[in-house]
Amino acid sequence: MAHALVFLLVFHLLVFLSNPIAILAAGSTNNSEIDRQAHLNFQLGISDDPLGVLSSWGNVSYCSWRGITCRKALPLRVVSLDLYSLQLAGQLSSSLANLTSIIR
């Protein structure tokens, strides 16, 4: 009987602790998705790409795109944009304001 009570206590404790973890994980995924969407919208606004940078962006993760730096820890978030030397021209997407982890 004591083993059953210990099992129930541990089970309920694990269920209780797993909920905040799931919420945090969902938030991290949403933030990464927001960053991804911001970059896709940015890419759609580019009208001139004399160096062919867009062709290198393709289907790989936006964290691998030239001029974009993401933090190394999960969740992957954009921390830096260095696009000046890429000579891109076009209209800036307002979704870039959603890149809330940029530090430079």
C-alpha atoms as a PDB file:
ATOM      1  CA  MET A   1       0.000   0.000   0.000  1.00  0.00           C
ATOM      2  CA  ALA A   2       2.833   2.415   0.827  1.00  0.00           C
ATOM      3  CA  HIS A   3       4.383   1.779  -2.601  1.00  0.00           C
ATOM      4  CA  ALA A   4       1.109   2.684  -4.298  1.00  0.00           C
ATOM      5  CA  LEU A   5       0.913   5.955  -2.365  1.00  0.00           C
ATOM      6  CA  VAL A   6       4.508   6.832  -3.219  1.00  0.00           C
ATOM      7  CA  PHE A   7       3.831   6.008  -6.866  1.00  0.00           C
ATOM      8  CA  LEU A   8       0.732   8.226  -6.910  1.00  0.00           C
ATOM      9  CA  LEU A   9       2.586  11.051  -5.207  1.00  0.00           C
ATOM     10  CA  VAL A  10       5.485  10.870  -7.678  1.00  0.00           C
ATOM     11  CA  PHE A  11       3.091  10.544 -10.621  1.00  0.00           C
ATOM     12  CA  HIS A  12       1.109  13.627  -9.602  1.00  0.00           C
ATOM     13  CA  LEU A  13       4.296  15.558  -8.947  1.00  0.00           C
ATOM     14  CA  LEU A  14       5.596  14.725 -12.429  1.00  0.00           C
ATOM     15  CA  VAL A  15       2.300  15.736 -14.029  1.00  0.00           C
ATOM     16  CA  PHE A  16       2.326  18.995 -12.092  1.00  0.00           C
ATOM     17  CA  LEU A  17       5.926  19.779 -13.066  1.00  0.00           C
ATOM     18  CA  SER A  18       5.474  18.848 -16.720  1.00  0.00           C
ATOM     19  CA  ASN A  19       2.815  21.492 -17.372  1.00  0.00           C
ATOM     20  CA  PRO A  20       5.061  24.567 -16.898  1.00  0.00           C
ATOM     21  CA  ILE A  21       7.734  22.866 -18.975  1.00  0.00           C
ATOM     22  CA  ALA A  22       5.255  22.308 -21.795  1.00  0.00           C
ATOM     23  CA  ILE A  23       4.133  25.921 -21.591  1.00  0.00           C
ATOM     24  CA  LEU A  24       7.727  27.174 -21.709  1.00  0.00           C
ATOM     25  CA  ALA A  25       8.538  24.882 -24.630  1.00  0.00           C
ATOM     26  CA  ALA A  26       5.475  26.089 -26.536  1.00  0.00           C
ATOM     27  CA  GLY A  27       6.476  29.699 -25.955  1.00  0.00           C
ATOM     28  CA  SER A  28       9.971  29.013 -27.238  1.00  0.00           C
ATOM     29  CA  THR A  29       8.622  27.372 -30.371  1.00  0.00           C
ATOM     30  CA  ASN A  30       6.274  30.289 -30.966  1.00  0.00           C
ATOM     31  CA  ASN A  31       9.120  32.798 -30.628  1.00  0.00           C
ATOM     32  CA  SER A  32      11.255  30.873 -33.113  1.00  0.00           C
ATOM     33  CA  GLU A  33       8.296  30.709 -35.494  1.00  0.00           C
ATOM     34  CA  ILE A  34       7.772  34.468 -35.143  1.00  0.00           C
ATOM     35  CA  ASP A  35      11.446  35.014 -36.040  1.00  0.00           C
ATOM     36  CA  ARG A  36      11.124  32.671 -39.027  1.00  0.00           C
ATOM     37  CA  GLN A  37       8.013  34.462 -40.298  1.00  0.00           C
ATOM     38  CA  ALA A  38       9.682  37.854 -39.869  1.00  0.00           C
ATOM     39  CA  HIS A  39      12.567  36.749 -42.071  1.00  0.00           C
ATOM     40  CA  LEU A  40      10.320  35.238 -44.705  1.00  0.00           C
ATOM     41  CA  ASN A  41       8.346  38.497 -44.856  1.00  0.00           C
ATOM     42  CA  PHE A  42      11.605  40.447 -45.051  1.00  0.00           C
ATOM     43  CA  GLN A  43      12.721  38.241 -47.930  1.00  0.00           C
ATOM     44  CA  LEU A  44       9.465  38.903 -49.813  1.00  0.00           C
ATOM     45  CA  GLY A  45      10.096  42.652 -49.629  1.00  0.00           C
ATOM     46  CA  ILE A  46      13.501  42.482 -51.315  1.00  0.00           C
ATOM     47  CA  SER A  47      13.338  43.797 -54.876  1.00  0.00           C
ATOM     48  CA  ASP A  48      17.045  43.941 -55.747  1.00  0.00           C
ATOM     49  CA  ASP A  49      19.672  41.358 -54.835  1.00  0.00           C
ATOM     50  CA  PRO A  50      22.805  42.148 -56.898  1.00  0.00           C
ATOM     51  CA  LEU A  51      25.003  39.675 -54.979  1.00  0.00           C
ATOM     52  CA  GLY A  52      22.534  36.767 -55.221  1.00  0.00           C
ATOM     53  CA  VAL A  53      22.187  36.456 -51.457  1.00  0.00           C
ATOM     54  CA  LEU A  54      18.579  35.264 -51.637  1.00  0.00           C
ATOM     55  CA  SER A  55      19.584  32.159 -53.575  1.00  0.00           C
ATOM     56  CA  SER A  56      21.771  31.098 -50.640  1.00  0.00           C
ATOM     57  CA  TRP A  57      18.914  31.551 -48.171  1.00  0.00           C
ATOM     58  CA  GLY A  58      16.745  28.823 -49.739  1.00  0.00           C
ATOM     59  CA  ASN A  59      15.170  26.188 -47.521  1.00  0.00           C
ATOM     60  CA  VAL A  60      17.900  26.057 -44.882  1.00  0.00           C
ATOM     61  CA  SER A  61      17.218  27.417 -41.423  1.00  0.00           C
ATOM     62  CA  TYR A  62      17.150  31.211 -41.294  1.00  0.00           C
ATOM     63  CA  CYS A  63      19.845  30.935 -38.608  1.00  0.00           C
ATOM     64  CA  SER A  64      22.184  29.782 -41.401  1.00  0.00           C
ATOM     65  CA  TRP A  65      21.375  32.686 -43.706  1.00  0.00           C
ATOM     66  CA  ARG A  66      24.231  35.035 -44.520  1.00  0.00           C
ATOM     67  CA  GLY A  67      23.978  38.208 -42.445  1.00  0.00           C
ATOM     68  CA  ILE A  68      21.806  36.661 -39.718  1.00  0.00           C
ATOM     69  CA  THR A  69      23.135  35.405 -36.391  1.00  0.00           C
ATOM     70  CA  CYS A  70      21.112  33.355 -33.924  1.00  0.00           C
ATOM     71  CA  ARG A  71      22.015  32.538 -30.364  1.00  0.00           C
ATOM     72  CA  LYS A  72      23.437  29.072 -29.912  1.00  0.00           C
ATOM     73  CA  ALA A  73      21.141  27.970 -27.089  1.00  0.00           C
ATOM     74  CA  LEU A  74      17.569  26.846 -27.554  1.00  0.00           C
ATOM     75  CA  PRO A  75      15.260  28.352 -28.425  1.00  0.00           C
ATOM     76  CA  LEU A  76      17.033  29.677 -31.487  1.00  0.00           C
ATOM     77  CA  ARG A  77      16.388  33.415 -31.658  1.00  0.00           C
ATOM     78  CA  VAL A  78      17.890  36.023 -33.954  1.00  0.00           C
ATOM     79  CA  VAL A  79      20.345  38.183 -32.019  1.00  0.00           C
ATOM     80  CA  SER A  80      22.035  40.082 -34.848  1.00  0.00           C
ATOM     81  CA  LEU A  81      21.338  41.351 -38.364  1.00  0.00           C
ATOM     82  CA  ASP A  82      24.279  42.479 -40.486  1.00  0.00           C
ATOM     83  CA  LEU A  83      22.726  43.100 -43.890  1.00  0.00           C
ATOM     84  CA  TYR A  84      24.451  46.316 -44.959  1.00  0.00           C
ATOM     85  CA  SER A  85      27.216  44.635 -46.974  1.00  0.00           C
ATOM     86  CA  LEU A  86      24.713  42.422 -48.809  1.00  0.00           C
ATOM     87  CA  GLN A  87      23.518  45.382 -50.941  1.00  0.00           C
ATOM     88  CA  LEU A  88      19.882  44.348 -50.700  1.00  0.00           C
ATOM     89  CA  ALA A  89      17.203  46.814 -51.738  1.00  0.00           C
ATOM     90  CA  GLY A  90      13.470  46.794 -51.248  1.00  0.00           C
ATOM     91  CA  GLN A  91      10.792  47.495 -48.715  1.00  0.00           C
ATOM     92  CA  LEU A  92      11.309  46.650 -45.041  1.00  0.00           C
ATOM     93  CA  SER A  93       8.645  44.443 -43.547  1.00  0.00           C
ATOM     94  CA  SER A  94       7.012  45.651 -40.350  1.00  0.00           C
ATOM     95  CA  SER A  95       7.351  42.082 -39.061  1.00  0.00           C
ATOM     96  CA  LEU A  96      11.042  42.801 -38.382  1.00  0.00           C
ATOM     97  CA  ALA A  97       9.806  44.577 -35.257  1.00  0.00           C
ATOM     98  CA  ASN A  98       8.925  41.098 -33.951  1.00  0.00           C
ATOM     99  CA  LEU A  99      12.618  40.199 -33.692  1.00  0.00           C
ATOM    100  CA  THR A 100      12.660  40.953 -29.990  1.00  0.00           C
ATOM    101  CA  SER A 101      15.966  39.224 -29.161  1.00  0.00           C
ATOM    102  CA  ILE A 102      18.216  41.373 -31.364  1.00  0.00           C
ATOM    103  CA  ILE A 103      21.091  42.798 -29.373  1.00  0.00           C
ATOM    104  CA  ARG A 104      23.112  44.350 -32.243  1.00  0.00           C
END
